[in-house]
Amino acid sequence: MLRVYGIKNCDSCRKARRYLDDNNIEHRFIDLRESPPQPGQVQAWLAIVGEEHLLNRRSTSWRALPEQHKVPLGQLSERHLIELICEHPTLVKRPLFVDGASMLTGFKPEILAEWLAADEEQ
């Protein structure tokens, strides 16, 4: 089943959930604040989509971090990045769609539709 990770009050997450509901796409929503990801889960996400697509460097959560954490892309060790995301799950780009080993970050209806169609073909 499609899992959608996000935050209940996030506009993009609400739009994505509405899109899925309107198109009768079965899914399970997981609020990152209520159910923060575990280190192994974040490590798996990073292996699939990478730091660039998983970490939201534009978020208010990112801007609120101490400066020592705000290093350029690719300069955080994987261990430190995993710890950072587990401690601050709102750093994850939202929504995060997970279907088996396939993942997509962010919500654009046309891209989500293509991703879901490609995922069904596999």
PDB file of N, CA and C in Angstrom:
ATOM      1  N   MET A   1       0.839  -1.185   0.000  1.00  0.00           N
ATOM      2  CA  MET A   1       0.000   0.000   0.000  1.00  0.00           C
ATOM      3  C   MET A   1       0.882   1.245   0.000  1.00  0.00           C
ATOM      4  N   LEU A   2       0.452   2.246  -0.718  1.00  0.00           N
ATOM      5  CA  LEU A   2       1.151   3.520  -0.794  1.00  0.00           C
ATOM      6  C   LEU A   2       1.154   4.184   0.578  1.00  0.00           C
ATOM      7  N   ARG A   3       2.340   4.574   1.018  1.00  0.00           N
ATOM      8  CA  ARG A   3       2.455   5.326   2.272  1.00  0.00           C
ATOM      9  C   ARG A   3       2.838   6.760   1.921  1.00  0.00           C
ATOM     10  N   VAL A   4       2.224   7.694   2.612  1.00  0.00           N
ATOM     11  CA  VAL A   4       2.486   9.109   2.386  1.00  0.00           C
ATOM     12  C   VAL A   4       2.937   9.695   3.711  1.00  0.00           C
ATOM     13  N   TYR A   5       4.197  10.157   3.743  1.00  0.00           N
ATOM     14  CA  TYR A   5       4.755  10.764   4.946  1.00  0.00           C
ATOM     15  C   TYR A   5       4.672  12.277   4.806  1.00  0.00           C
ATOM     16  N   GLY A   6       4.243  12.916   5.879  1.00  0.00           N
ATOM     17  CA  GLY A   6       4.134  14.360   5.844  1.00  0.00           C
ATOM     18  C   GLY A   6       3.712  14.906   7.186  1.00  0.00           C
ATOM     19  N   ILE A   7       3.110  16.082   7.137  1.00  0.00           N
ATOM     20  CA  ILE A   7       2.618  16.752   8.329  1.00  0.00           C
ATOM     21  C   ILE A   7       1.184  17.180   8.046  1.00  0.00           C
ATOM     22  N   LYS A   8       0.310  16.953   9.002  1.00  0.00           N
ATOM     23  CA  LYS A   8      -1.118  17.210   8.791  1.00  0.00           C
ATOM     24  C   LYS A   8      -1.423  18.630   8.341  1.00  0.00           C
ATOM     25  N   ASN A   9      -0.709  19.621   8.876  1.00  0.00           N
ATOM     26  CA  ASN A   9      -1.045  21.004   8.541  1.00  0.00           C
ATOM     27  C   ASN A   9      -0.232  21.560   7.366  1.00  0.00           C
ATOM     28  N   CYS A  10       0.500  20.721   6.674  1.00  0.00           N
ATOM     29  CA  CYS A  10       1.291  21.135   5.511  1.00  0.00           C
ATOM     30  C   CYS A  10       0.371  21.236   4.296  1.00  0.00           C
ATOM     31  N   ASP A  11       0.386  22.393   3.616  1.00  0.00           N
ATOM     32  CA  ASP A  11      -0.488  22.600   2.452  1.00  0.00           C
ATOM     33  C   ASP A  11      -0.247  21.563   1.359  1.00  0.00           C
ATOM     34  N   SER A  12       1.012  21.289   1.051  1.00  0.00           N
ATOM     35  CA  SER A  12       1.318  20.305   0.002  1.00  0.00           C
ATOM     36  C   SER A  12       0.811  18.918   0.372  1.00  0.00           C
ATOM     37  N   CYS A  13       0.930  18.571   1.640  1.00  0.00           N
ATOM     38  CA  CYS A  13       0.447  17.263   2.094  1.00  0.00           C
ATOM     39  C   CYS A  13      -1.076  17.188   2.002  1.00  0.00           C
ATOM     40  N   ARG A  14      -1.744  18.260   2.373  1.00  0.00           N
ATOM     41  CA  ARG A  14      -3.213  18.269   2.278  1.00  0.00           C
ATOM     42  C   ARG A  14      -3.658  18.146   0.822  1.00  0.00           C
ATOM     43  N   LYS A  15      -2.986  18.868  -0.085  1.00  0.00           N
ATOM     44  CA  LYS A  15      -3.331  18.796  -1.509  1.00  0.00           C
ATOM     45  C   LYS A  15      -3.085  17.386  -2.046  1.00  0.00           C
ATOM     46  N   ALA A  16      -1.973  16.795  -1.645  1.00  0.00           N
ATOM     47  CA  ALA A  16      -1.654  15.439  -2.111  1.00  0.00           C
ATOM     48  C   ALA A  16      -2.682  14.436  -1.601  1.00  0.00           C
ATOM     49  N   ARG A  17      -3.054  14.538  -0.346  1.00  0.00           N
ATOM     50  CA  ARG A  17      -4.040  13.618   0.212  1.00  0.00           C
ATOM     51  C   ARG A  17      -5.390  13.789  -0.470  1.00  0.00           C
ATOM     52  N   ARG A  18      -5.766  15.033  -0.753  1.00  0.00           N
ATOM     53  CA  ARG A  18      -7.019  15.289  -1.452  1.00  0.00           C
ATOM     54  C   ARG A  18      -6.973  14.681  -2.853  1.00  0.00           C
ATOM     55  N   TYR A  19      -5.835  14.843  -3.538  1.00  0.00           N
ATOM     56  CA  TYR A  19      -5.666  14.263  -4.873  1.00  0.00           C
ATOM     57  C   TYR A  19      -5.822  12.741  -4.820  1.00  0.00           C
ATOM     58  N   LEU A  20      -5.166  12.108  -3.863  1.00  0.00           N
ATOM     59  CA  LEU A  20      -5.252  10.651  -3.737  1.00  0.00           C
ATOM     60  C   LEU A  20      -6.680  10.209  -3.437  1.00  0.00           C
ATOM     61  N   ASP A  21      -7.347  10.919  -2.536  1.00  0.00           N
ATOM     62  CA  ASP A  21      -8.739  10.594  -2.207  1.00  0.00           C
ATOM     63  C   ASP A  21      -9.648  10.784  -3.419  1.00  0.00           C
ATOM     64  N   ASP A  22      -9.493  11.930  -4.119  1.00  0.00           N
ATOM     65  CA  ASP A  22     -10.333  12.227  -5.282  1.00  0.00           C
ATOM     66  C   ASP A  22     -10.150  11.210  -6.401  1.00  0.00           C
ATOM     67  N   ASN A  23      -8.967  10.596  -6.471  1.00  0.00           N
ATOM     68  CA  ASN A  23      -8.673   9.617  -7.512  1.00  0.00           C
ATOM     69  C   ASN A  23      -8.760   8.178  -7.005  1.00  0.00           C
ATOM     70  N   ASN A  24      -9.348   8.009  -5.821  1.00  0.00           N
ATOM     71  CA  ASN A  24      -9.552   6.682  -5.217  1.00  0.00           C
ATOM     72  C   ASN A  24      -8.276   5.863  -5.159  1.00  0.00           C
ATOM     73  N   ILE A  25      -7.194   6.505  -4.760  1.00  0.00           N
ATOM     74  CA  ILE A  25      -5.909   5.820  -4.622  1.00  0.00           C
ATOM     75  C   ILE A  25      -5.721   5.497  -3.145  1.00  0.00           C
ATOM     76  N   GLU A  26      -5.711   4.207  -2.865  1.00  0.00           N
ATOM     77  CA  GLU A  26      -5.576   3.756  -1.485  1.00  0.00           C
ATOM     78  C   GLU A  26      -4.197   4.143  -0.960  1.00  0.00           C
ATOM     79  N   HIS A  27      -4.184   4.709   0.241  1.00  0.00           N
ATOM     80  CA  HIS A  27      -2.918   5.135   0.834  1.00  0.00           C
ATOM     81  C   HIS A  27      -3.066   5.206   2.350  1.00  0.00           C
ATOM     82  N   ARG A  28      -1.927   5.295   2.975  1.00  0.00           N
ATOM     83  CA  ARG A  28      -1.869   5.460   4.429  1.00  0.00           C
ATOM     84  C   ARG A  28      -1.025   6.692   4.703  1.00  0.00           C
ATOM     85  N   PHE A  29      -1.562   7.648   5.440  1.00  0.00           N
ATOM     86  CA  PHE A  29      -0.830   8.858   5.772  1.00  0.00           C
ATOM     87  C   PHE A  29      -0.135   8.686   7.114  1.00  0.00           C
ATOM     88  N   ILE A  30       1.143   9.022   7.162  1.00  0.00           N
ATOM     89  CA  ILE A  30       1.923   8.945   8.392  1.00  0.00           C
ATOM     90  C   ILE A  30       2.434  10.343   8.706  1.00  0.00           C
ATOM     91  N   ASP A  31       2.002  10.890   9.840  1.00  0.00           N
ATOM     92  CA  ASP A  31       2.445  12.214  10.256  1.00  0.00           C
ATOM     93  C   ASP A  31       3.842  12.086  10.869  1.00  0.00           C
ATOM     94  N   LEU A  32       4.792  12.784  10.295  1.00  0.00           N
ATOM     95  CA  LEU A  32       6.180  12.689  10.751  1.00  0.00           C
ATOM     96  C   LEU A  32       6.382  13.215  12.167  1.00  0.00           C
ATOM     97  N   ARG A  33       5.508  14.104  12.605  1.00  0.00           N
ATOM     98  CA  ARG A  33       5.628  14.603  13.984  1.00  0.00           C
ATOM     99  C   ARG A  33       5.136  13.562  14.979  1.00  0.00           C
ATOM    100  N   GLU A  34       4.096  12.841  14.600  1.00  0.00           N
ATOM    101  CA  GLU A  34       3.527  11.830  15.492  1.00  0.00           C
ATOM    102  C   GLU A  34       4.300  10.519  15.442  1.00  0.00           C
ATOM    103  N   SER A  35       4.857  10.201  14.281  1.00  0.00           N
ATOM    104  CA  SER A  35       5.613   8.955  14.093  1.00  0.00           C
ATOM    105  C   SER A  35       6.934   9.268  13.392  1.00  0.00           C
ATOM    106  N   PRO A  36       7.903   9.808  14.139  1.00  0.00           N
ATOM    107  CA  PRO A  36       9.187  10.143  13.512  1.00  0.00           C
ATOM    108  C   PRO A  36       9.859   8.894  12.938  1.00  0.00           C
ATOM    109  N   PRO A  37      10.583   9.059  11.834  1.00  0.00           N
ATOM    110  CA  PRO A  37      11.244   7.905  11.229  1.00  0.00           C
ATOM    111  C   PRO A  37      12.380   7.383  12.094  1.00  0.00           C
ATOM    112  N   GLN A  38      12.645   6.108  11.953  1.00  0.00           N
ATOM    113  CA  GLN A  38      13.743   5.457  12.654  1.00  0.00           C
ATOM    114  C   GLN A  38      15.009   5.530  11.785  1.00  0.00           C
ATOM    115  N   PRO A  39      16.189   5.414  12.387  1.00  0.00           N
ATOM    116  CA  PRO A  39      17.436   5.522  11.624  1.00  0.00           C
ATOM    117  C   PRO A  39      17.516   4.598  10.409  1.00  0.00           C
ATOM    118  N   GLY A  40      17.101   3.356  10.554  1.00  0.00           N
ATOM    119  CA  GLY A  40      17.154   2.420   9.423  1.00  0.00           C
ATOM    120  C   GLY A  40      16.243   2.849   8.291  1.00  0.00           C
ATOM    121  N   GLN A  41      15.123   3.416   8.644  1.00  0.00           N
ATOM    122  CA  GLN A  41      14.172   3.904   7.648  1.00  0.00           C
ATOM    123  C   GLN A  41      14.767   5.090   6.885  1.00  0.00           C
ATOM    124  N   VAL A  42      15.359   6.035   7.597  1.00  0.00           N
ATOM    125  CA  VAL A  42      15.980   7.201   6.951  1.00  0.00           C
ATOM    126  C   VAL A  42      17.141   6.746   6.069  1.00  0.00           C
ATOM    127  N   GLN A  43      17.912   5.795   6.529  1.00  0.00           N
ATOM    128  CA  GLN A  43      19.030   5.274   5.737  1.00  0.00           C
ATOM    129  C   GLN A  43      18.519   4.670   4.426  1.00  0.00           C
ATOM    130  N   ALA A  44      17.427   3.930   4.488  1.00  0.00           N
ATOM    131  CA  ALA A  44      16.835   3.334   3.280  1.00  0.00           C
ATOM    132  C   ALA A  44      16.332   4.427   2.342  1.00  0.00           C
ATOM    133  N   TRP A  45      15.679   5.443   2.894  1.00  0.00           N
ATOM    134  CA  TRP A  45      15.202   6.549   2.067  1.00  0.00           C
ATOM    135  C   TRP A  45      16.361   7.231   1.352  1.00  0.00           C
ATOM    136  N   LEU A  46      17.433   7.486   2.093  1.00  0.00           N
ATOM    137  CA  LEU A  46      18.609   8.132   1.503  1.00  0.00           C
ATOM    138  C   LEU A  46      19.199   7.283   0.386  1.00  0.00           C
ATOM    139  N   ALA A  47      19.200   5.977   0.567  1.00  0.00           N
ATOM    140  CA  ALA A  47      19.751   5.083  -0.454  1.00  0.00           C
ATOM    141  C   ALA A  47      18.925   5.136  -1.738  1.00  0.00           C
ATOM    142  N   ILE A  48      17.638   5.397  -1.615  1.00  0.00           N
ATOM    143  CA  ILE A  48      16.757   5.418  -2.783  1.00  0.00           C
ATOM    144  C   ILE A  48      16.736   6.789  -3.459  1.00  0.00           C
ATOM    145  N   VAL A  49      16.520   7.854  -2.682  1.00  0.00           N
ATOM    146  CA  VAL A  49      16.363   9.178  -3.307  1.00  0.00           C
ATOM    147  C   VAL A  49      17.531  10.120  -3.096  1.00  0.00           C
ATOM    148  N   GLY A  50      18.378   9.844  -2.127  1.00  0.00           N
ATOM    149  CA  GLY A  50      19.532  10.694  -1.878  1.00  0.00           C
ATOM    150  C   GLY A  50      19.208  11.933  -1.052  1.00  0.00           C
ATOM    151  N   GLU A  51      20.267  12.526  -0.545  1.00  0.00           N
ATOM    152  CA  GLU A  51      20.155  13.703   0.325  1.00  0.00           C
ATOM    153  C   GLU A  51      19.448  14.864  -0.368  1.00  0.00           C
ATOM    154  N   GLU A  52      19.785  15.102  -1.611  1.00  0.00           N
ATOM    155  CA  GLU A  52      19.231  16.243  -2.349  1.00  0.00           C
ATOM    156  C   GLU A  52      17.709  16.213  -2.408  1.00  0.00           C
ATOM    157  N   HIS A  53      17.135  15.023  -2.556  1.00  0.00           N
ATOM    158  CA  HIS A  53      15.684  14.896  -2.689  1.00  0.00           C
ATOM    159  C   HIS A  53      14.976  14.644  -1.363  1.00  0.00           C
ATOM    160  N   LEU A  54      15.707  14.236  -0.340  1.00  0.00           N
ATOM    161  CA  LEU A  54      15.067  13.924   0.940  1.00  0.00           C
ATOM    162  C   LEU A  54      15.084  15.101   1.907  1.00  0.00           C
ATOM    163  N   LEU A  55      16.155  15.870   1.903  1.00  0.00           N
ATOM    164  CA  LEU A  55      16.333  16.947   2.876  1.00  0.00           C
ATOM    165  C   LEU A  55      15.824  18.267   2.311  1.00  0.00           C
ATOM    166  N   ASN A  56      14.888  18.874   3.020  1.00  0.00           N
ATOM    167  CA  ASN A  56      14.303  20.143   2.593  1.00  0.00           C
ATOM    168  C   ASN A  56      15.100  21.299   3.202  1.00  0.00           C
ATOM    169  N   ARG A  57      16.014  21.823   2.406  1.00  0.00           N
ATOM    170  CA  ARG A  57      16.869  22.919   2.877  1.00  0.00           C
ATOM    171  C   ARG A  57      16.179  24.280   2.780  1.00  0.00           C
ATOM    172  N   ARG A  58      14.940  24.317   2.323  1.00  0.00           N
ATOM    173  CA  ARG A  58      14.186  25.577   2.254  1.00  0.00           C
ATOM    174  C   ARG A  58      13.215  25.734   3.415  1.00  0.00           C
ATOM    175  N   SER A  59      13.090  24.699   4.219  1.00  0.00           N
ATOM    176  CA  SER A  59      12.075  24.695   5.280  1.00  0.00           C
ATOM    177  C   SER A  59      12.449  25.616   6.438  1.00  0.00           C
ATOM    178  N   THR A  60      11.418  25.990   7.198  1.00  0.00           N
ATOM    179  CA  THR A  60      11.674  26.765   8.412  1.00  0.00           C
ATOM    180  C   THR A  60      12.448  25.915   9.422  1.00  0.00           C
ATOM    181  N   SER A  61      12.256  24.605   9.374  1.00  0.00           N
ATOM    182  CA  SER A  61      13.008  23.710  10.260  1.00  0.00           C
ATOM    183  C   SER A  61      14.504  23.807   9.965  1.00  0.00           C
ATOM    184  N   TRP A  62      14.861  23.847   8.686  1.00  0.00           N
ATOM    185  CA  TRP A  62      16.269  23.958   8.287  1.00  0.00           C
ATOM    186  C   TRP A  62      16.834  25.304   8.745  1.00  0.00           C
ATOM    187  N   ARG A  63      16.086  26.362   8.503  1.00  0.00           N
ATOM    188  CA  ARG A  63      16.562  27.704   8.866  1.00  0.00           C
ATOM    189  C   ARG A  63      16.731  27.851  10.371  1.00  0.00           C
ATOM    190  N   ALA A  64      15.972  27.091  11.158  1.00  0.00           N
ATOM    191  CA  ALA A  64      16.051  27.174  12.613  1.00  0.00           C
ATOM    192  C   ALA A  64      17.207  26.372  13.204  1.00  0.00           C
ATOM    193  N   LEU A  65      17.849  25.528  12.394  1.00  0.00           N
ATOM    194  CA  LEU A  65      18.952  24.709  12.904  1.00  0.00           C
ATOM    195  C   LEU A  65      20.168  25.570  13.239  1.00  0.00           C
ATOM    196  N   PRO A  66      20.987  25.119  14.186  1.00  0.00           N
ATOM    197  CA  PRO A  66      22.257  25.806  14.445  1.00  0.00           C
ATOM    198  C   PRO A  66      23.134  25.776  13.184  1.00  0.00           C
ATOM    199  N   GLU A  67      23.928  26.784  13.004  1.00  0.00           N
ATOM    200  CA  GLU A  67      24.743  26.935  11.790  1.00  0.00           C
ATOM    201  C   GLU A  67      25.644  25.729  11.506  1.00  0.00           C
ATOM    202  N   GLN A  68      26.146  25.048  12.536  1.00  0.00           N
ATOM    203  CA  GLN A  68      27.056  23.922  12.299  1.00  0.00           C
ATOM    204  C   GLN A  68      26.392  22.774  11.533  1.00  0.00           C
ATOM    205  N   HIS A  69      25.054  22.738  11.520  1.00  0.00           N
ATOM    206  CA  HIS A  69      24.340  21.691  10.781  1.00  0.00           C
ATOM    207  C   HIS A  69      24.077  22.080   9.331  1.00  0.00           C
ATOM    208  N   LYS A  70      24.164  23.348   9.020  1.00  0.00           N
ATOM    209  CA  LYS A  70      23.804  23.853   7.691  1.00  0.00           C
ATOM    210  C   LYS A  70      25.001  23.847   6.746  1.00  0.00           C
ATOM    211  N   VAL A  71      25.500  22.687   6.489  1.00  0.00           N
ATOM    212  CA  VAL A  71      26.649  22.558   5.586  1.00  0.00           C
ATOM    213  C   VAL A  71      26.146  22.302   4.166  1.00  0.00           C
ATOM    214  N   PRO A  72      26.966  22.598   3.172  1.00  0.00           N
ATOM    215  CA  PRO A  72      26.545  22.389   1.774  1.00  0.00           C
ATOM    216  C   PRO A  72      26.172  20.934   1.490  1.00  0.00           C
ATOM    217  N   LEU A  73      25.362  20.790   0.460  1.00  0.00           N
ATOM    218  CA  LEU A  73      24.904  19.484   0.007  1.00  0.00           C
ATOM    219  C   LEU A  73      26.077  18.522  -0.152  1.00  0.00           C
ATOM    220  N   GLY A  74      25.930  17.331   0.398  1.00  0.00           N
ATOM    221  CA  GLY A  74      26.949  16.297   0.264  1.00  0.00           C
ATOM    222  C   GLY A  74      28.070  16.353   1.288  1.00  0.00           C
ATOM    223  N   GLN A  75      28.055  17.359   2.160  1.00  0.00           N
ATOM    224  CA  GLN A  75      29.143  17.469   3.132  1.00  0.00           C
ATOM    225  C   GLN A  75      28.777  16.972   4.528  1.00  0.00           C
ATOM    226  N   LEU A  76      27.527  16.585   4.727  1.00  0.00           N
ATOM    227  CA  LEU A  76      27.138  15.956   5.985  1.00  0.00           C
ATOM    228  C   LEU A  76      27.415  14.461   5.869  1.00  0.00           C
ATOM    229  N   SER A  77      27.980  13.874   6.911  1.00  0.00           N
ATOM    230  CA  SER A  77      28.160  12.426   6.874  1.00  0.00           C
ATOM    231  C   SER A  77      26.781  11.775   6.900  1.00  0.00           C
ATOM    232  N   GLU A  78      26.691  10.568   6.353  1.00  0.00           N
ATOM    233  CA  GLU A  78      25.399   9.882   6.341  1.00  0.00           C
ATOM    234  C   GLU A  78      24.875   9.688   7.756  1.00  0.00           C
ATOM    235  N   ARG A  79      25.756   9.326   8.674  1.00  0.00           N
ATOM    236  CA  ARG A  79      25.347   9.111  10.068  1.00  0.00           C
ATOM    237  C   ARG A  79      24.771  10.390  10.664  1.00  0.00           C
ATOM    238  N   HIS A  80      25.449  11.513  10.432  1.00  0.00           N
ATOM    239  CA  HIS A  80      24.978  12.786  10.972  1.00  0.00           C
ATOM    240  C   HIS A  80      23.660  13.196  10.323  1.00  0.00           C
ATOM    241  N   LEU A  81      23.534  12.987   9.035  1.00  0.00           N
ATOM    242  CA  LEU A  81      22.311  13.314   8.314  1.00  0.00           C
ATOM    243  C   LEU A  81      21.135  12.489   8.841  1.00  0.00           C
ATOM    244  N   ILE A  82      21.354  11.207   9.071  1.00  0.00           N
ATOM    245  CA  ILE A  82      20.314  10.331   9.613  1.00  0.00           C
ATOM    246  C   ILE A  82      19.898  10.808  11.001  1.00  0.00           C
ATOM    247  N   GLU A  83      20.868  11.120  11.852  1.00  0.00           N
ATOM    248  CA  GLU A  83      20.559  11.616  13.194  1.00  0.00           C
ATOM    249  C   GLU A  83      19.767  12.917  13.131  1.00  0.00           C
ATOM    250  N   LEU A  84      20.168  13.796  12.232  1.00  0.00           N
ATOM    251  CA  LEU A  84      19.509  15.088  12.079  1.00  0.00           C
ATOM    252  C   LEU A  84      18.042  14.924  11.663  1.00  0.00           C
ATOM    253  N   ILE A  85      17.790  14.063  10.690  1.00  0.00           N
ATOM    254  CA  ILE A  85      16.421  13.836  10.220  1.00  0.00           C
ATOM    255  C   ILE A  85      15.580  13.133  11.292  1.00  0.00           C
ATOM    256  N   CYS A  86      16.166  12.196  12.005  1.00  0.00           N
ATOM    257  CA  CYS A  86      15.419  11.518  13.074  1.00  0.00           C
ATOM    258  C   CYS A  86      15.059  12.498  14.192  1.00  0.00           C
ATOM    259  N   GLU A  87      15.971  13.411  14.490  1.00  0.00           N
ATOM    260  CA  GLU A  87      15.734  14.393  15.537  1.00  0.00           C
ATOM    261  C   GLU A  87      14.771  15.502  15.076  1.00  0.00           C
ATOM    262  N   HIS A  88      14.832  15.838  13.787  1.00  0.00           N
ATOM    263  CA  HIS A  88      14.004  16.898  13.218  1.00  0.00           C
ATOM    264  C   HIS A  88      13.290  16.358  11.971  1.00  0.00           C
ATOM    265  N   PRO A  89      12.277  15.523  12.134  1.00  0.00           N
ATOM    266  CA  PRO A  89      11.637  14.882  10.979  1.00  0.00           C
ATOM    267  C   PRO A  89      10.972  15.857  10.010  1.00  0.00           C
ATOM    268  N   THR A  90      10.732  17.088  10.446  1.00  0.00           N
ATOM    269  CA  THR A  90      10.132  18.065   9.530  1.00  0.00           C
ATOM    270  C   THR A  90      11.140  18.552   8.488  1.00  0.00           C
ATOM    271  N   LEU A  91      12.368  18.074   8.547  1.00  0.00           N
ATOM    272  CA  LEU A  91      13.360  18.380   7.516  1.00  0.00           C
ATOM    273  C   LEU A  91      13.130  17.566   6.241  1.00  0.00           C
ATOM    274  N   VAL A  92      12.297  16.542   6.318  1.00  0.00           N
ATOM    275  CA  VAL A  92      12.006  15.703   5.153  1.00  0.00           C
ATOM    276  C   VAL A  92      11.158  16.499   4.163  1.00  0.00           C
ATOM    277  N   LYS A  93      11.536  16.450   2.879  1.00  0.00           N
ATOM    278  CA  LYS A  93      10.712  17.088   1.847  1.00  0.00           C
ATOM    279  C   LYS A  93       9.360  16.403   1.841  1.00  0.00           C
ATOM    280  N   ARG A  94       8.321  17.226   1.791  1.00  0.00           N
ATOM    281  CA  ARG A  94       6.974  16.686   1.913  1.00  0.00           C
ATOM    282  C   ARG A  94       6.131  17.046   0.692  1.00  0.00           C
ATOM    283  N   PRO A  95       5.172  16.145   0.464  1.00  0.00           N
ATOM    284  CA  PRO A  95       5.027  14.809   1.041  1.00  0.00           C
ATOM    285  C   PRO A  95       6.062  13.850   0.451  1.00  0.00           C
ATOM    286  N   LEU A  96       6.283  12.801   1.181  1.00  0.00           N
ATOM    287  CA  LEU A  96       7.176  11.732   0.744  1.00  0.00           C
ATOM    288  C   LEU A  96       6.292  10.525   0.473  1.00  0.00           C
ATOM    289  N   PHE A  97       6.256  10.113  -0.793  1.00  0.00           N
ATOM    290  CA  PHE A  97       5.460   8.959  -1.207  1.00  0.00           C
ATOM    291  C   PHE A  97       6.364   7.739  -1.258  1.00  0.00           C
ATOM    292  N   VAL A  98       5.934   6.647  -0.627  1.00  0.00           N
ATOM    293  CA  VAL A  98       6.723   5.419  -0.604  1.00  0.00           C
ATOM    294  C   VAL A  98       5.824   4.263  -1.011  1.00  0.00           C
ATOM    295  N   ASP A  99       6.250   3.554  -2.042  1.00  0.00           N
ATOM    296  CA  ASP A  99       5.525   2.372  -2.497  1.00  0.00           C
ATOM    297  C   ASP A  99       6.570   1.292  -2.742  1.00  0.00           C
ATOM    298  N   GLY A 100       6.726   0.419  -1.764  1.00  0.00           N
ATOM    299  CA  GLY A 100       7.771  -0.600  -1.870  1.00  0.00           C
ATOM    300  C   GLY A 100       9.135   0.062  -1.873  1.00  0.00           C
ATOM    301  N   ALA A 101       9.920  -0.210  -2.910  1.00  0.00           N
ATOM    302  CA  ALA A 101      11.262   0.369  -3.019  1.00  0.00           C
ATOM    303  C   ALA A 101      11.271   1.618  -3.890  1.00  0.00           C
ATOM    304  N   SER A 102      10.106   2.109  -4.245  1.00  0.00           N
ATOM    305  CA  SER A 102       9.995   3.294  -5.081  1.00  0.00           C
ATOM    306  C   SER A 102       9.559   4.480  -4.227  1.00  0.00           C
ATOM    307  N   MET A 103      10.177   5.650  -4.474  1.00  0.00           N
ATOM    308  CA  MET A 103       9.865   6.830  -3.678  1.00  0.00           C
ATOM    309  C   MET A 103       9.781   8.071  -4.553  1.00  0.00           C
ATOM    310  N   LEU A 104       8.995   9.028  -4.079  1.00  0.00           N
ATOM    311  CA  LEU A 104       8.857  10.321  -4.737  1.00  0.00           C
ATOM    312  C   LEU A 104       8.693  11.371  -3.652  1.00  0.00           C
ATOM    313  N   THR A 105       9.381  12.515  -3.811  1.00  0.00           N
ATOM    314  CA  THR A 105       9.231  13.607  -2.856  1.00  0.00           C
ATOM    315  C   THR A 105       8.561  14.789  -3.535  1.00  0.00           C
ATOM    316  N   GLY A 106       7.759  15.496  -2.762  1.00  0.00           N
ATOM    317  CA  GLY A 106       7.065  16.674  -3.266  1.00  0.00           C
ATOM    318  C   GLY A 106       5.779  16.294  -3.972  1.00  0.00           C
ATOM    319  N   PHE A 107       4.923  17.317  -4.194  1.00  0.00           N
ATOM    320  CA  PHE A 107       3.646  17.044  -4.841  1.00  0.00           C
ATOM    321  C   PHE A 107       3.417  17.952  -6.028  1.00  0.00           C
ATOM    322  N   LYS A 108       3.362  17.337  -7.188  1.00  0.00           N
ATOM    323  CA  LYS A 108       2.887  17.951  -8.421  1.00  0.00           C
ATOM    324  C   LYS A 108       2.002  16.880  -9.039  1.00  0.00           C
ATOM    325  N   PRO A 109       0.710  17.176  -9.237  1.00  0.00           N
ATOM    326  CA  PRO A 109      -0.241  16.152  -9.680  1.00  0.00           C
ATOM    327  C   PRO A 109       0.224  15.367 -10.901  1.00  0.00           C
ATOM    328  N   GLU A 110       0.768  16.041 -11.907  1.00  0.00           N
ATOM    329  CA  GLU A 110       1.173  15.340 -13.128  1.00  0.00           C
ATOM    330  C   GLU A 110       2.357  14.401 -12.887  1.00  0.00           C
ATOM    331  N   ILE A 111       3.280  14.818 -12.047  1.00  0.00           N
ATOM    332  CA  ILE A 111       4.440  13.960 -11.743  1.00  0.00           C
ATOM    333  C   ILE A 111       4.010  12.769 -10.893  1.00  0.00           C
ATOM    334  N   LEU A 112       3.123  13.017  -9.923  1.00  0.00           N
ATOM    335  CA  LEU A 112       2.617  11.920  -9.097  1.00  0.00           C
ATOM    336  C   LEU A 112       1.864  10.911  -9.951  1.00  0.00           C
ATOM    337  N   ALA A 113       1.031  11.388 -10.873  1.00  0.00           N
ATOM    338  CA  ALA A 113       0.268  10.485 -11.748  1.00  0.00           C
ATOM    339  C   ALA A 113       1.211   9.618 -12.583  1.00  0.00           C
ATOM    340  N   GLU A 114       2.264  10.224 -13.137  1.00  0.00           N
ATOM    341  CA  GLU A 114       3.256   9.460 -13.924  1.00  0.00           C
ATOM    342  C   GLU A 114       3.963   8.440 -13.054  1.00  0.00           C
ATOM    343  N   TRP A 115       4.353   8.844 -11.852  1.00  0.00           N
ATOM    344  CA  TRP A 115       5.067   7.949 -10.935  1.00  0.00           C
ATOM    345  C   TRP A 115       4.176   6.767 -10.546  1.00  0.00           C
ATOM    346  N   LEU A 116       2.928   7.053 -10.237  1.00  0.00           N
ATOM    347  CA  LEU A 116       2.002   5.978  -9.849  1.00  0.00           C
ATOM    348  C   LEU A 116       1.774   5.019 -11.022  1.00  0.00           C
ATOM    349  N   ALA A 117       1.645   5.562 -12.233  1.00  0.00           N
ATOM    350  CA  ALA A 117       1.436   4.706 -13.424  1.00  0.00           C
ATOM    351  C   ALA A 117       2.662   3.847 -13.678  1.00  0.00           C
ATOM    352  N   ALA A 118       3.841   4.425 -13.559  1.00  0.00           N
ATOM    353  CA  ALA A 118       5.080   3.663 -13.772  1.00  0.00           C
ATOM    354  C   ALA A 118       5.252   2.605 -12.699  1.00  0.00           C
ATOM    355  N   ASP A 119       4.859   2.943 -11.478  1.00  0.00           N
ATOM    356  CA  ASP A 119       4.978   2.007 -10.369  1.00  0.00           C
ATOM    357  C   ASP A 119       4.041   0.819 -10.553  1.00  0.00           C
ATOM    358  N   GLU A 120       2.857   1.052 -11.123  1.00  0.00           N
ATOM    359  CA  GLU A 120       1.904  -0.032 -11.379  1.00  0.00           C
ATOM    360  C   GLU A 120       2.430  -0.988 -12.437  1.00  0.00           C
ATOM    361  N   GLU A 121       3.175  -0.460 -13.407  1.00  0.00           N
ATOM    362  CA  GLU A 121       3.712  -1.295 -14.489  1.00  0.00           C
ATOM    363  C   GLU A 121       4.770  -2.265 -14.019  1.00  0.00           C
ATOM    364  N   GLN A 122       5.411  -1.935 -12.901  1.00  0.00           N
ATOM    365  CA  GLN A 122       6.514  -2.783 -12.402  1.00  0.00           C
ATOM    366  C   GLN A 122       6.025  -3.957 -11.651  1.00  0.00           C
TER     367      GLN A 122
END
